[in-house]
Amino acid sequence: MSKIGNIDVGEFPLLLAPMEDVSDPPFRALCKEQGADVVYTEFVSSEGLIRDAAKSVQKLDIYEYERPVGIQIFGSDLDAMLQTVDIVEKTKPDIIDINYGCPVKKVVCKGAGAGILKDIDKMVRLTEAMVKRTSLPVTVKTRLGWDDDSIHIVEVAERLQDVGCKAISIHGRTRAQMYKGEADWHKIAEVKNNPRMHIPVFGNGDVNTPERAVQMRDEFGLDGAMIGRASIGNPWFFHQVKHYIENGFHAEPPTMAERVDIARRHLKMSIEWKGERTGILETRRHYTNYFKGIPNFKPYRQKLVTSDEPTELWDTFDEISEKFADQIVAV
């Protein structure tokens, strides 16, 4: 049984990865319904929170039904990060997660995200100070290293554990790789197999089929799987993994009625949470995957990603339900 601090997260938990412009409250709600054990917010800028920037503050919105939920923060300035811990604590998340893995240039160039992998001592100091600042469990998401010549993840994980980190999620690529090539789970397993490690070690990267999740558990011995890109437009993925683990065979793919229902609800929740314009815009990225692999769907997809009017979108969903009612497409 894995525990993050005192939080029991199950035998082999599935965690929704923090993803910018993806893991917002509407999407987290859908993933939770489908079996995600732990969900994380989009990453929140410490500088943005201190400035009270609206976008950063809004990312702190969490709801009772999604617990256990972690708020992920990033930054490189110690004072700013400590102030951020104080702000985040007031919103009462279950976990505070530190992003030491984001490879995006605008984050890295400030020494945040994966940028801190160039200065492991600072990474440890920051983590230790944040652990001391809060009574909430602090976890870390990181990568194997900056590049192939600087992979010291076994030592890094041990040092983070020693200063009070309660769990570590490791993306099996270096910053130099970005999202290219294959994730190296062997390096993550080396962290897990270190006899000094006693906190949960979660694997991330290329968990894109139920079989891969089982492989992460059985072959690599990891404590859980953090799922990112495979869930975009496919919150059913969590259910599919759990069904496969429990039964040894694949779940039935979602019906068209289920696909349309989840797309409708996603849009409705997004509009309620972010307002009509932003809610419509930010839900568009999911439609391609919600309706992936359906023959002759292009005109409907075009309507979904270009319409700015809720009524037009609801009408398009009705049309899709009617026209494609009998379609069955494997995810």
Protein backbone atom coordinates (compact mmCIF):
# COMPACT_ATOMS: atom_id res chain seq x y z
CA MET A 1 0.00 0.00 0.00
CA SER A 2 1.48 3.36 -1.05
CA LYS A 3 1.29 6.35 1.26
CA ILE A 4 2.14 9.98 0.59
CA GLY A 5 2.77 11.16 4.13
CA ASN A 6 -0.31 9.89 5.95
CA ILE A 7 -2.43 9.74 2.79
CA ASP A 8 -3.24 6.20 1.70
CA VAL A 9 -3.25 6.24 -2.12
CA GLY A 10 -3.83 2.54 -2.78
CA GLU A 11 -1.93 -0.52 -3.94
CA PHE A 12 -0.71 0.80 -7.32
CA PRO A 13 -2.10 4.32 -7.63
CA LEU A 14 -2.71 6.02 -10.95
CA LEU A 15 -1.85 9.71 -10.77
CA LEU A 16 -3.01 12.38 -13.20
CA ALA A 17 0.11 14.32 -14.16
CA PRO A 18 0.11 18.10 -13.81
CA MET A 19 -0.24 19.46 -17.36
CA GLU A 20 -0.38 23.11 -18.32
CA ASP A 21 -3.75 24.06 -19.89
CA VAL A 22 -4.97 20.46 -19.44
CA SER A 23 -5.29 19.36 -15.80
CA ASP A 24 -7.76 22.04 -14.77
CA PRO A 25 -10.77 21.34 -12.47
CA PRO A 26 -13.15 20.14 -15.23
CA PHE A 27 -10.64 17.66 -16.61
CA ARG A 28 -9.55 16.53 -13.15
CA ALA A 29 -13.20 15.84 -12.27
CA LEU A 30 -13.59 13.59 -15.30
CA CYS A 31 -10.34 11.71 -14.61
CA LYS A 32 -11.32 11.25 -10.98
CA GLU A 33 -14.66 9.74 -12.03
CA GLN A 34 -12.78 7.32 -14.27
CA GLY A 35 -10.48 6.08 -11.53
CA ALA A 36 -7.54 8.48 -11.07
CA ASP A 37 -6.35 7.99 -7.48
CA VAL A 38 -4.46 11.28 -7.12
CA VAL A 39 -4.82 14.37 -9.31
CA TYR A 40 -2.54 17.38 -9.65
CA THR A 41 -3.27 20.92 -10.73
CA GLU A 42 -1.57 22.64 -13.63
CA PHE A 43 1.74 24.00 -12.43
CA VAL A 44 1.47 27.34 -10.66
CA SER A 45 4.12 30.04 -10.93
CA SER A 46 5.45 31.20 -7.55
CA GLU A 47 6.18 34.64 -9.02
CA GLY A 48 2.67 34.80 -10.47
CA LEU A 49 1.06 33.91 -7.14
CA ILE A 50 3.04 36.53 -5.25
CA ARG A 51 2.03 39.17 -7.80
CA ASP A 52 -1.55 37.95 -7.39
CA ALA A 53 -1.73 37.30 -11.13
CA ALA A 54 -5.28 36.18 -11.94
CA LYS A 55 -4.26 33.14 -14.00
CA SER A 56 -1.98 31.80 -11.26
CA VAL A 57 -4.54 32.40 -8.50
CA GLN A 58 -7.30 30.67 -10.46
CA LYS A 59 -5.15 27.53 -10.71
CA LEU A 60 -5.51 27.14 -6.93
CA ASP A 61 -9.20 26.26 -7.31
CA ILE A 62 -9.69 22.77 -5.88
CA TYR A 63 -12.84 20.88 -4.93
CA GLU A 64 -13.73 18.27 -2.31
CA TYR A 65 -14.66 15.58 -4.84
CA GLU A 66 -11.14 15.47 -6.30
CA ARG A 67 -9.24 14.62 -3.12
CA PRO A 68 -6.51 13.66 -2.69
CA VAL A 69 -5.38 16.59 -4.83
CA GLY A 70 -1.93 18.13 -5.11
CA ILE A 71 -1.14 21.70 -6.08
CA GLN A 72 2.06 21.86 -8.09
CA ILE A 73 4.26 24.95 -7.90
CA PHE A 74 7.42 26.02 -9.69
CA GLY A 75 10.03 28.69 -9.20
CA SER A 76 13.70 29.15 -8.38
CA ASP A 77 13.72 31.93 -5.78
CA LEU A 78 13.64 30.64 -2.21
CA ASP A 79 11.70 33.55 -0.70
CA ALA A 80 9.13 33.45 -3.48
CA MET A 81 8.68 29.69 -3.11
CA LEU A 82 8.23 29.98 0.67
CA GLN A 83 5.63 32.73 0.25
CA THR A 84 3.91 30.50 -2.29
CA VAL A 85 3.76 27.64 0.22
CA ASP A 86 1.96 29.97 2.64
CA ILE A 87 -0.55 31.03 -0.04
CA VAL A 88 -1.13 27.47 -1.27
CA GLU A 89 -1.59 26.08 2.24
CA LYS A 90 -4.62 28.35 2.76
CA THR A 91 -6.47 26.61 -0.08
CA LYS A 92 -6.13 23.30 1.84
CA PRO A 93 -4.76 20.89 -0.77
CA ASP A 94 -3.71 17.42 0.38
CA ILE A 95 -0.23 17.66 -1.17
CA ILE A 96 2.18 20.36 -2.32
CA ASP A 97 4.21 19.19 -5.31
CA ILE A 98 7.34 20.92 -6.60
CA ASN A 99 7.99 20.96 -10.33
CA TYR A 100 11.63 20.19 -11.06
CA GLY A 101 10.87 18.64 -14.44
CA CYS A 102 9.23 21.10 -16.85
CA PRO A 103 11.52 21.30 -19.91
CA VAL A 104 9.96 24.41 -21.50
CA LYS A 105 12.52 27.10 -22.29
CA LYS A 106 10.72 30.03 -20.65
CA VAL A 107 10.64 28.10 -17.36
CA VAL A 108 14.10 26.54 -17.60
CA CYS A 109 15.87 29.80 -18.46
CA LYS A 110 14.80 31.17 -15.06
CA GLY A 111 16.39 28.22 -13.29
CA ALA A 112 12.98 26.70 -12.51
CA GLY A 113 11.43 23.39 -13.62
CA ALA A 114 14.09 21.18 -15.17
CA GLY A 115 16.48 24.15 -15.08
CA ILE A 116 17.27 23.36 -11.45
CA LEU A 117 18.74 20.01 -12.52
CA LYS A 118 21.91 21.97 -13.24
CA ASP A 119 22.15 22.80 -9.53
CA ILE A 120 21.24 19.78 -7.42
CA ASP A 121 22.42 21.41 -4.17
CA LYS A 122 19.94 24.24 -4.72
CA MET A 123 17.20 21.73 -5.54
CA VAL A 124 17.80 20.01 -2.19
CA ARG A 125 17.98 23.31 -0.26
CA LEU A 126 14.71 24.55 -1.79
CA THR A 127 12.94 21.28 -1.01
CA GLU A 128 14.20 21.21 2.57
CA ALA A 129 13.09 24.80 3.21
CA MET A 130 9.63 24.11 1.78
CA VAL A 131 9.22 20.92 3.82
CA LYS A 132 10.03 22.89 6.97
CA ARG A 133 7.54 25.61 6.03
CA THR A 134 4.44 23.42 5.87
CA SER A 135 2.72 20.57 7.66
CA LEU A 136 1.42 19.25 4.33
CA PRO A 137 3.31 16.45 2.59
CA VAL A 138 5.71 17.84 -0.02
CA THR A 139 6.38 15.75 -3.14
CA VAL A 140 8.58 16.28 -6.17
CA LYS A 141 8.21 15.67 -9.90
CA THR A 142 11.47 15.65 -11.81
CA ARG A 143 13.40 14.16 -14.73
CA LEU A 144 16.38 11.83 -14.89
CA GLY A 145 18.80 14.72 -15.25
CA TRP A 146 19.69 17.68 -17.44
CA ASP A 147 21.27 15.49 -20.16
CA ASP A 148 22.80 12.03 -20.59
CA ASP A 149 26.05 13.18 -18.99
CA SER A 150 24.39 14.40 -15.80
CA ILE A 151 22.06 11.61 -14.69
CA HIS A 152 22.41 11.29 -10.91
CA ILE A 153 18.77 10.52 -10.16
CA VAL A 154 19.49 7.77 -7.58
CA GLU A 155 21.54 10.17 -5.46
CA VAL A 156 19.13 13.07 -6.09
CA ALA A 157 16.09 11.06 -4.99
CA GLU A 158 17.86 9.87 -1.86
CA ARG A 159 18.87 13.43 -0.93
CA LEU A 160 15.33 14.72 -1.50
CA GLN A 161 13.95 11.93 0.68
CA ASP A 162 16.49 12.77 3.39
CA VAL A 163 15.24 16.38 3.62
CA GLY A 164 11.61 15.27 3.99
CA CYS A 165 10.18 14.74 0.49
CA LYS A 166 7.25 12.28 0.88
CA ALA A 167 7.12 10.87 -2.68
CA ILE A 168 8.89 11.36 -5.97
CA SER A 169 7.53 11.10 -9.51
CA ILE A 170 10.20 10.66 -12.16
CA HIS A 171 9.75 11.29 -15.87
CA GLY A 172 12.07 8.84 -17.61
CA ARG A 173 13.70 11.39 -19.91
CA THR A 174 16.35 14.08 -19.52
CA ARG A 175 15.62 17.73 -20.13
CA ALA A 176 17.72 17.53 -23.31
CA GLN A 177 15.35 14.86 -24.67
CA MET A 178 12.25 17.02 -24.08
CA TYR A 179 9.53 14.51 -25.10
CA LYS A 180 11.53 12.70 -27.78
CA GLY A 181 12.79 9.14 -27.75
CA GLU A 182 11.66 6.53 -25.27
CA ALA A 183 11.34 7.07 -21.55
CA ASP A 184 13.97 5.04 -19.68
CA TRP A 185 12.14 3.21 -16.91
CA HIS A 186 15.28 1.26 -15.96
CA LYS A 187 16.75 4.44 -14.47
CA ILE A 188 13.55 5.01 -12.45
CA ALA A 189 13.72 1.41 -11.22
CA GLU A 190 17.28 2.06 -10.00
CA VAL A 191 15.82 4.71 -7.68
CA LYS A 192 13.17 2.30 -6.42
CA ASN A 193 15.73 -0.47 -5.91
CA ASN A 194 18.03 1.71 -3.83
CA PRO A 195 17.79 -0.03 -0.40
CA ARG A 196 17.82 3.38 1.33
CA MET A 197 14.64 4.55 -0.41
CA HIS A 198 11.42 4.15 1.56
CA ILE A 199 9.13 6.82 0.02
CA PRO A 200 6.93 5.95 -3.00
CA VAL A 201 8.61 6.18 -6.40
CA PHE A 202 6.13 6.84 -9.20
CA GLY A 203 6.99 6.39 -12.88
CA ASN A 204 6.05 8.84 -15.62
CA GLY A 205 6.54 8.85 -19.38
CA ASP A 206 5.11 6.56 -22.08
CA VAL A 207 2.41 4.95 -19.92
CA ASN A 208 0.15 4.83 -22.95
CA THR A 209 -1.54 1.41 -22.70
CA PRO A 210 -2.91 -0.65 -19.82
CA GLU A 211 -0.19 -3.22 -20.54
CA ARG A 212 2.50 -0.58 -20.06
CA ALA A 213 1.08 0.36 -16.66
CA VAL A 214 1.17 -3.29 -15.58
CA GLN A 215 4.74 -3.56 -16.89
CA MET A 216 5.71 -0.52 -14.81
CA ARG A 217 4.34 -2.29 -11.74
CA ASP A 218 5.42 -5.89 -12.35
CA GLU A 219 8.65 -5.63 -14.33
CA PHE A 220 10.03 -2.37 -12.94
CA GLY A 221 8.57 -2.61 -9.44
CA LEU A 222 7.43 1.01 -9.23
CA ASP A 223 4.86 2.15 -6.68
CA GLY A 224 2.44 3.80 -9.11
CA ALA A 225 2.07 5.32 -12.57
CA MET A 226 1.74 9.02 -13.32
CA ILE A 227 -0.23 9.44 -16.52
CA GLY A 228 -0.04 12.53 -18.70
CA ARG A 229 -0.48 12.65 -22.46
CA ALA A 230 -2.37 9.33 -22.70
CA SER A 231 -5.24 10.89 -20.73
CA ILE A 232 -5.73 14.01 -22.88
CA GLY A 233 -9.17 13.68 -24.42
CA ASN A 234 -9.24 10.19 -22.94
CA PRO A 235 -10.10 10.30 -19.22
CA TRP A 236 -11.34 6.70 -19.70
CA PHE A 237 -7.70 5.64 -19.69
CA PHE A 238 -7.68 5.40 -15.88
CA HIS A 239 -10.69 3.07 -15.94
CA GLN A 240 -9.12 1.01 -18.73
CA VAL A 241 -5.89 0.53 -16.79
CA LYS A 242 -7.74 -0.47 -13.61
CA HIS A 243 -10.02 -2.84 -15.51
CA TYR A 244 -7.01 -4.50 -17.12
CA ILE A 245 -5.20 -4.83 -13.79
CA GLU A 246 -8.25 -6.40 -12.14
CA ASN A 247 -9.43 -8.64 -14.97
CA GLY A 248 -6.49 -9.25 -17.30
CA PHE A 249 -8.39 -8.14 -20.40
CA HIS A 250 -9.35 -4.82 -21.94
CA ALA A 251 -12.49 -2.93 -21.02
CA GLU A 252 -15.01 -2.19 -23.73
CA PRO A 253 -14.23 1.09 -25.48
CA PRO A 254 -16.53 4.01 -24.65
CA THR A 255 -19.66 4.17 -26.74
CA MET A 256 -20.44 7.23 -28.86
CA ALA A 257 -23.09 8.20 -26.31
CA GLU A 258 -20.42 8.11 -23.57
CA ARG A 259 -17.98 10.10 -25.69
CA VAL A 260 -20.53 12.79 -26.45
CA ASP A 261 -21.69 12.90 -22.86
CA ILE A 262 -18.19 13.45 -21.49
CA ALA A 263 -17.36 16.07 -24.14
CA ARG A 264 -20.60 17.94 -23.30
CA ARG A 265 -19.94 17.82 -19.59
CA HIS A 266 -16.35 18.90 -20.05
CA LEU A 267 -17.47 21.94 -22.02
CA LYS A 268 -20.26 22.76 -19.55
CA MET A 269 -17.90 22.60 -16.55
CA SER A 270 -15.27 24.66 -18.38
CA ILE A 271 -17.77 27.41 -19.18
CA GLU A 272 -19.02 27.43 -15.58
CA TRP A 273 -15.46 27.60 -14.24
CA LYS A 274 -13.70 29.94 -16.67
CA GLY A 275 -16.50 31.78 -18.41
CA GLU A 276 -17.92 31.26 -21.88
CA ARG A 277 -15.07 32.42 -24.13
CA THR A 278 -12.14 30.86 -22.26
CA GLY A 279 -14.13 27.73 -21.42
CA ILE A 280 -14.88 27.12 -25.10
CA LEU A 281 -11.33 27.82 -26.23
CA GLU A 282 -9.66 25.63 -23.63
CA THR A 283 -11.88 22.61 -24.22
CA ARG A 284 -11.06 22.47 -27.94
CA ARG A 285 -7.76 20.64 -27.48
CA HIS A 286 -9.66 17.59 -26.15
CA TYR A 287 -12.18 17.06 -28.97
CA THR A 288 -9.77 15.42 -31.43
CA ASN A 289 -9.07 12.66 -28.93
CA TYR A 290 -12.63 12.36 -27.63
CA PHE A 291 -13.68 11.45 -31.17
CA LYS A 292 -10.46 9.88 -32.44
CA GLY A 293 -10.62 7.24 -35.13
CA ILE A 294 -14.20 7.86 -36.25
CA PRO A 295 -14.55 7.71 -40.05
CA ASN A 296 -15.91 10.79 -41.84
CA PHE A 297 -15.81 12.87 -38.67
CA LYS A 298 -13.75 15.78 -40.02
CA PRO A 299 -16.63 18.23 -40.71
CA TYR A 300 -17.92 17.78 -37.15
CA ARG A 301 -14.47 18.16 -35.64
CA GLN A 302 -14.10 21.37 -37.64
CA LYS A 303 -17.33 22.71 -36.15
CA LEU A 304 -16.25 21.79 -32.62
CA VAL A 305 -12.90 23.55 -32.87
CA THR A 306 -14.08 26.68 -34.68
CA SER A 307 -17.46 27.51 -33.14
CA ASP A 308 -17.53 30.23 -30.47
CA GLU A 309 -21.22 29.85 -29.65
CA PRO A 310 -22.37 27.40 -26.95
CA THR A 311 -25.70 26.80 -28.72
CA GLU A 312 -23.88 25.81 -31.92
CA LEU A 313 -21.69 23.42 -29.95
CA TRP A 314 -24.65 21.80 -28.17
CA ASP A 315 -26.35 21.39 -31.58
CA THR A 316 -23.19 19.82 -33.02
CA PHE A 317 -23.09 17.34 -30.13
CA ASP A 318 -26.72 16.43 -30.90
CA GLU A 319 -25.85 15.89 -34.57
CA ILE A 320 -22.89 13.69 -33.64
CA SER A 321 -25.05 11.61 -31.28
CA GLU A 322 -27.58 11.02 -34.02
CA LYS A 323 -25.25 10.42 -36.97
CA PHE A 324 -22.66 8.26 -35.25
CA ALA A 325 -24.89 6.47 -32.75
CA ASP A 326 -23.80 3.00 -33.90
CA GLN A 327 -20.08 3.69 -34.20
CA ILE A 328 -17.79 1.65 -31.97
CA VAL A 329 -14.17 2.73 -32.00
CA ALA A 330 -11.38 1.20 -29.93
CA VAL A 331 -9.45 3.79 -27.95
